[in-house]
Amino acid sequence: MIKLYLKYNQCFCKNIDIFKLLTSNYQLIRMKLFFKMPFVILSFILILYGCKKDPPINPAKDITGQWQWIFSYTVQLNPLTPQNTGIQEVIKFNSNYSWLKIQNNIHIDAGTFTKGHGNYIPYPGAHTFIYDSIVYYRNGISEKGIQDYYKIFNDTLEFCAGFAGYSTKSDPSAGASEFYIKQK
């Protein structure tokens, strides 16, 4: 009988020890989770709301081809046309990124170009202006201010600095728009 009591006591003590071990492990796990949970929640919130997907970057529209000037709007005189200026102008953009400007059948300028795509937001909450741009190079060197911002509507090409937000009263040419039609 004493042996049985001893065995029962030993078994009971072992069960208590296992119970203590399990509860202490459980409390340890709960404490670890309690301290890790804010980090997990914060990480989830940052991933969910902190990372905004940038809109896909669209390549600039293809400008290759021969374009005939049809009219311009400026701050001073409106509109300027080949009929009232006596200027017939053609700009040719080649697929090898070279360009050529001809006025009244005389080659007046040429070089290479690169295209870009961007957007302009004048102030928070305002409409986003999306534009394509072209930078002109002469002898491989870009000249400051020698760039155009453009949009293509069907067969019409419009150059306007206002597309990129460059429209000031101090620079009358900044508000000018030039329109060209694609030659077949």
Protein backbone atom coordinates (compact mmCIF):
# COMPACT_ATOMS: atom_id res chain seq x y z
CA MET A 1 0.00 0.00 0.00
CA ILE A 2 2.77 2.38 0.80
CA LYS A 3 4.38 1.52 -2.50
CA LEU A 4 1.18 2.30 -4.32
CA TYR A 5 0.82 5.62 -2.49
CA LEU A 6 4.41 6.49 -3.36
CA LYS A 7 3.80 5.60 -6.99
CA TYR A 8 0.60 7.63 -7.03
CA ASN A 9 2.41 10.59 -5.41
CA GLN A 10 5.29 10.37 -7.84
CA CYS A 11 2.89 10.19 -10.78
CA PHE A 12 0.77 13.00 -9.38
CA CYS A 13 3.88 15.13 -8.81
CA LYS A 14 5.04 14.45 -12.33
CA ASN A 15 1.63 15.51 -13.64
CA ILE A 16 1.84 18.70 -11.61
CA ASP A 17 5.33 19.35 -12.92
CA ILE A 18 4.14 18.81 -16.49
CA PHE A 19 1.15 21.07 -15.81
CA LYS A 20 3.43 23.78 -14.42
CA LEU A 21 5.73 23.39 -17.39
CA LEU A 22 2.85 23.62 -19.86
CA THR A 23 1.26 26.63 -18.18
CA SER A 24 4.56 28.45 -17.91
CA ASN A 25 5.24 27.74 -21.59
CA TYR A 26 1.73 28.91 -22.44
CA GLN A 27 2.25 32.13 -20.46
CA LEU A 28 5.62 32.63 -22.15
CA ILE A 29 4.05 32.16 -25.57
CA ARG A 30 1.23 34.57 -24.67
CA MET A 31 3.76 37.19 -23.51
CA LYS A 32 5.77 36.82 -26.71
CA LEU A 33 2.63 37.17 -28.80
CA PHE A 34 1.47 40.11 -26.71
CA PHE A 35 4.72 41.98 -27.40
CA LYS A 36 4.93 40.94 -31.08
CA MET A 37 1.30 41.66 -31.98
CA PRO A 38 1.66 45.48 -32.21
CA PHE A 39 4.55 45.02 -34.62
CA VAL A 40 2.55 42.56 -36.71
CA ILE A 41 -0.45 44.91 -36.81
CA LEU A 42 1.72 47.93 -37.61
CA SER A 43 3.48 46.01 -40.39
CA PHE A 44 0.14 44.95 -41.83
CA ILE A 45 -1.15 48.54 -41.77
CA LEU A 46 2.01 49.84 -43.42
CA ILE A 47 1.85 47.23 -46.15
CA LEU A 48 -1.84 47.79 -46.73
CA TYR A 49 -1.92 51.59 -46.67
CA GLY A 50 1.66 52.81 -46.73
CA CYS A 51 2.63 51.44 -50.11
CA LYS A 52 0.83 53.02 -52.99
CA LYS A 53 1.26 51.60 -56.43
CA ASP A 54 2.69 54.10 -58.84
CA PRO A 55 0.66 54.41 -61.99
CA PRO A 56 2.27 52.55 -64.86
CA ILE A 57 4.65 54.66 -66.87
CA ASN A 58 3.40 54.86 -70.40
CA PRO A 59 5.97 55.40 -73.08
CA ALA A 60 5.80 58.64 -75.02
CA LYS A 61 3.56 58.49 -78.08
CA ASP A 62 5.30 57.80 -81.36
CA ILE A 63 6.14 61.07 -83.09
CA THR A 64 7.90 59.65 -86.14
CA GLY A 65 6.77 60.93 -89.49
CA GLN A 66 6.52 64.17 -91.40
CA TRP A 67 4.42 66.94 -89.82
CA GLN A 68 3.12 70.03 -91.68
CA TRP A 69 2.57 73.22 -89.64
CA ILE A 70 -1.08 74.36 -89.81
CA PHE A 71 -1.36 77.13 -87.18
CA SER A 72 -0.05 78.57 -83.91
CA TYR A 73 -1.66 80.43 -81.06
CA THR A 74 0.49 82.92 -79.20
CA VAL A 75 -0.16 85.51 -76.54
CA GLN A 76 0.25 88.47 -78.94
CA LEU A 77 -1.09 87.39 -82.35
CA ASN A 78 -3.78 84.79 -82.93
CA PRO A 79 -3.75 82.64 -84.91
CA LEU A 80 -0.60 82.49 -86.97
CA THR A 81 -1.01 80.40 -90.11
CA PRO A 82 1.00 79.65 -93.25
CA GLN A 83 -1.40 81.97 -95.12
CA ASN A 84 -0.89 85.05 -92.91
CA THR A 85 2.84 84.52 -92.23
CA GLY A 86 4.03 83.24 -95.62
CA ILE A 87 5.88 80.39 -93.83
CA GLN A 88 5.46 76.79 -94.93
CA GLU A 89 7.07 74.59 -92.25
CA VAL A 90 7.65 70.85 -92.08
CA ILE A 91 9.24 68.91 -89.24
CA LYS A 92 10.35 65.36 -89.88
CA PHE A 93 11.04 62.94 -87.02
CA ASN A 94 12.78 59.74 -88.11
CA SER A 95 12.69 56.34 -86.42
CA ASN A 96 16.48 56.55 -85.86
CA TYR A 97 15.80 59.58 -83.57
CA SER A 98 17.02 62.19 -86.03
CA TRP A 99 14.95 65.25 -86.91
CA LEU A 100 14.89 67.88 -89.63
CA LYS A 101 13.09 71.24 -89.87
CA ILE A 102 12.33 72.80 -93.26
CA GLN A 103 10.83 76.27 -93.81
CA ASN A 104 9.83 77.40 -97.30
CA ASN A 105 11.76 74.45 -98.78
CA ILE A 106 14.98 75.49 -96.99
CA HIS A 107 16.62 73.15 -94.48
CA ILE A 108 16.95 75.37 -91.37
CA ASP A 109 17.71 72.97 -88.51
CA ALA A 110 18.49 69.32 -87.77
CA GLY A 111 19.84 67.03 -85.09
CA THR A 112 18.79 64.10 -82.92
CA PHE A 113 16.12 63.81 -80.25
CA THR A 114 14.96 61.79 -77.27
CA LYS A 115 11.40 61.30 -76.04
CA GLY A 116 10.04 61.31 -72.52
CA HIS A 117 6.75 61.00 -70.67
CA GLY A 118 5.68 62.82 -67.53
CA ASN A 119 2.95 64.44 -65.54
CA TYR A 120 2.43 67.74 -63.82
CA ILE A 121 0.24 68.50 -60.80
CA PRO A 122 0.04 72.27 -60.17
CA TYR A 123 -1.18 71.88 -56.57
CA PRO A 124 -2.47 69.05 -54.35
CA GLY A 125 -5.87 67.86 -55.47
CA ALA A 126 -5.61 69.48 -58.90
CA HIS A 127 -6.09 67.70 -62.22
CA THR A 128 -2.97 65.80 -63.29
CA PHE A 129 -1.62 66.97 -66.63
CA ILE A 130 -0.02 64.11 -68.55
CA TYR A 131 2.33 64.97 -71.39
CA ASP A 132 5.03 63.64 -73.66
CA SER A 133 8.24 65.55 -74.22
CA ILE A 134 10.98 65.75 -76.76
CA VAL A 135 14.51 67.07 -76.19
CA TYR A 136 16.46 68.22 -79.22
CA TYR A 137 20.21 67.71 -79.64
CA ARG A 138 22.62 69.39 -82.02
CA ASN A 139 25.94 67.61 -82.49
CA GLY A 140 25.03 65.34 -79.56
CA ILE A 141 24.59 68.26 -77.13
CA SER A 142 21.27 69.28 -75.62
CA GLU A 143 20.78 73.01 -75.56
CA LYS A 144 19.07 74.51 -72.55
CA GLY A 145 15.44 75.32 -73.29
CA ILE A 146 15.41 73.41 -76.57
CA GLN A 147 12.63 70.98 -75.76
CA ASP A 148 8.97 70.61 -76.54
CA TYR A 149 6.00 69.17 -74.71
CA TYR A 150 3.47 67.54 -76.97
CA LYS A 151 0.24 65.64 -77.37
CA ILE A 152 -0.99 63.77 -80.40
CA PHE A 153 -4.72 63.78 -81.20
CA ASN A 154 -5.46 61.44 -84.12
CA ASP A 155 -3.34 62.96 -86.92
CA THR A 156 -2.68 66.30 -85.19
CA LEU A 157 0.43 67.11 -83.16
CA GLU A 158 0.29 69.95 -80.63
CA PHE A 159 3.37 71.44 -79.01
CA CYS A 160 2.64 73.46 -75.86
CA ALA A 161 4.80 74.25 -72.82
CA GLY A 162 1.60 74.49 -70.79
CA PHE A 163 1.34 70.68 -70.82
CA ALA A 164 4.23 70.60 -68.36
CA GLY A 165 3.07 73.62 -66.39
CA TYR A 166 5.38 76.10 -68.11
CA SER A 167 3.05 78.98 -68.78
CA THR A 168 4.03 82.34 -67.39
CA LYS A 169 3.08 85.94 -68.08
CA SER A 170 6.75 86.97 -68.17
CA ASP A 171 7.47 84.63 -71.10
CA PRO A 172 4.91 85.14 -73.88
CA SER A 173 6.18 82.13 -75.83
CA ALA A 174 5.48 79.85 -72.85
CA GLY A 175 1.74 79.97 -73.53
CA ALA A 176 2.09 79.37 -77.27
CA SER A 177 0.68 76.29 -78.95
CA GLU A 178 1.79 75.04 -82.35
CA PHE A 179 -0.29 72.59 -84.36
CA TYR A 180 0.96 70.24 -87.07
CA ILE A 181 -0.85 67.69 -89.18
CA LYS A 182 0.73 64.39 -90.13
CA GLN A 183 1.55 64.02 -93.81
CA LYS A 184 0.65 60.75 -95.44
